[in-house]
Protein backbone atom coordinates (compact mmCIF):
# COMPACT_ATOMS: atom_id res chain seq x y z
CA UNK A 1 123.52 122.31 77.13
CA UNK A 2 123.38 119.01 75.22
CA UNK A 3 126.41 120.13 73.09
CA UNK A 4 128.53 120.91 76.10
CA UNK A 5 127.54 117.57 77.63
CA UNK A 6 128.58 115.66 74.54
CA UNK A 7 131.87 117.57 74.25
CA UNK A 8 132.59 116.77 77.94
CA UNK A 9 132.21 113.03 77.01
CA UNK A 10 134.75 113.37 74.17
CA UNK A 11 137.15 115.47 76.31
CA UNK A 12 136.66 113.25 79.50
CA UNK A 13 135.94 116.29 81.62
CA UNK A 14 133.87 115.99 84.82
CA UNK A 15 130.98 118.31 85.20
CA UNK A 16 129.07 119.98 87.92
CA UNK A 17 125.41 119.07 87.50
CA UNK A 18 122.50 120.92 88.95
CA UNK A 19 119.25 118.96 88.64
CA UNK A 20 115.82 118.55 90.07
CA UNK A 21 115.67 115.36 92.09
CA UNK A 22 112.17 113.76 92.04
CA UNK A 23 113.17 111.57 94.87
CA UNK A 24 114.36 114.48 97.07
CA UNK A 25 111.71 116.97 95.79
CA UNK A 26 114.42 119.73 95.34
CA UNK A 27 117.37 120.72 93.27
CA UNK A 28 120.71 119.04 93.95
CA UNK A 29 124.29 119.64 92.84
CA UNK A 30 126.59 116.75 92.11
CA UNK A 31 130.03 116.23 90.56
CA UNK A 32 129.59 113.77 87.68
CA UNK A 33 131.19 112.18 84.69
CA UNK A 34 129.05 112.42 81.52
CA UNK A 35 128.43 108.92 80.28
CA UNK A 36 125.94 108.99 77.39
CA UNK A 37 122.81 110.68 75.96
CA UNK A 38 120.01 108.54 74.63
CA UNK A 39 117.11 106.48 75.84
CA UNK A 40 117.24 104.44 78.99
CA UNK A 41 117.36 100.67 78.42
CA UNK A 42 115.62 100.12 81.80
CA UNK A 43 112.94 102.83 81.87
CA UNK A 44 109.48 102.32 80.29
CA UNK A 45 109.71 105.93 79.03
CA UNK A 46 112.17 105.66 76.07
CA UNK A 47 112.69 109.47 75.70
CA UNK A 48 116.27 110.53 75.38
CA UNK A 49 118.00 111.43 78.65
CA UNK A 50 121.37 112.35 80.03
CA UNK A 51 123.35 109.55 81.81
CA UNK A 52 125.94 110.29 84.38
CA UNK A 53 128.23 108.56 86.85
CA UNK A 54 127.53 110.42 90.11
CA UNK A 55 130.69 110.74 92.21
CA UNK A 56 128.71 112.16 95.09
CA UNK A 57 125.91 109.60 95.27
CA UNK A 58 124.96 108.34 98.76
CA UNK A 59 123.60 105.06 97.35
CA UNK A 60 125.42 102.01 95.93
CA UNK A 61 124.17 102.65 92.38
CA UNK A 62 126.04 105.70 91.13
CA UNK A 63 124.44 105.83 87.71
CA UNK A 64 122.11 108.82 87.32
CA UNK A 65 119.74 109.14 84.29
CA UNK A 66 117.75 112.30 83.92
CA UNK A 67 115.23 113.52 81.47
CA UNK A 68 116.16 116.98 79.93
CA UNK A 69 113.52 118.76 81.95
CA UNK A 70 115.23 117.66 85.18
CA UNK A 71 118.59 119.10 84.24
CA UNK A 72 118.83 122.71 85.48
CA UNK A 73 122.54 123.48 84.54
CA UNK A 74 125.73 121.70 83.46
CA UNK A 75 129.03 123.28 84.09
CA UNK A 76 131.95 121.59 82.42
CA UNK A 77 134.98 121.43 84.85
CA UNK A 78 138.70 121.35 83.99
CA UNK A 79 139.13 118.06 86.11
CA UNK A 80 139.44 115.06 83.99
CA UNK A 81 137.88 111.60 84.66
CA UNK A 82 139.07 108.12 83.71
CA UNK A 83 136.41 105.76 82.44
CA UNK A 84 138.19 102.84 84.23
CA UNK A 85 137.09 104.48 87.49
CA UNK A 86 133.47 103.28 86.92
CA UNK A 87 132.91 101.24 83.78
CA UNK A 88 132.64 97.56 84.74
CA UNK A 89 130.13 96.50 82.04
CA UNK A 90 130.20 95.89 78.27
CA UNK A 91 129.48 99.22 76.67
CA UNK A 92 127.06 99.96 73.91
CA UNK A 93 127.05 103.77 73.77
CA UNK A 94 124.63 105.98 71.85
CA UNK A 95 127.28 108.70 71.46
CA UNK A 96 130.31 107.41 69.78
CA UNK A 97 133.58 108.25 71.47
CA UNK A 98 137.26 107.33 71.70
CA UNK A 99 137.71 105.94 75.18
CA UNK A 100 139.99 103.08 74.18
CA UNK A 101 138.71 99.74 75.59
CA UNK A 102 135.70 101.61 77.04
CA UNK A 103 134.44 103.06 73.77
């Protein structure tokens, strides 16, 4: 699953993510852009996690960071994403990529 996620970063493919939401107490399905894989800079727990841009989020913050045990399934879609749609900050990615000015 991690290899598919990283390849989707490089290919700029959206994914369909199925994950366990601790907040909702159930599994959810979202359309996301894969952003990065590595520790969270904000969380106390520094274990590696998957970082997504959640297009379906019902909150203002669309960044979704999940530990591997929360990710149920990742399906890579043929639909592409443009990093300019959501990146508004200086980037310092764990996974190197060629996203032009957003790399």
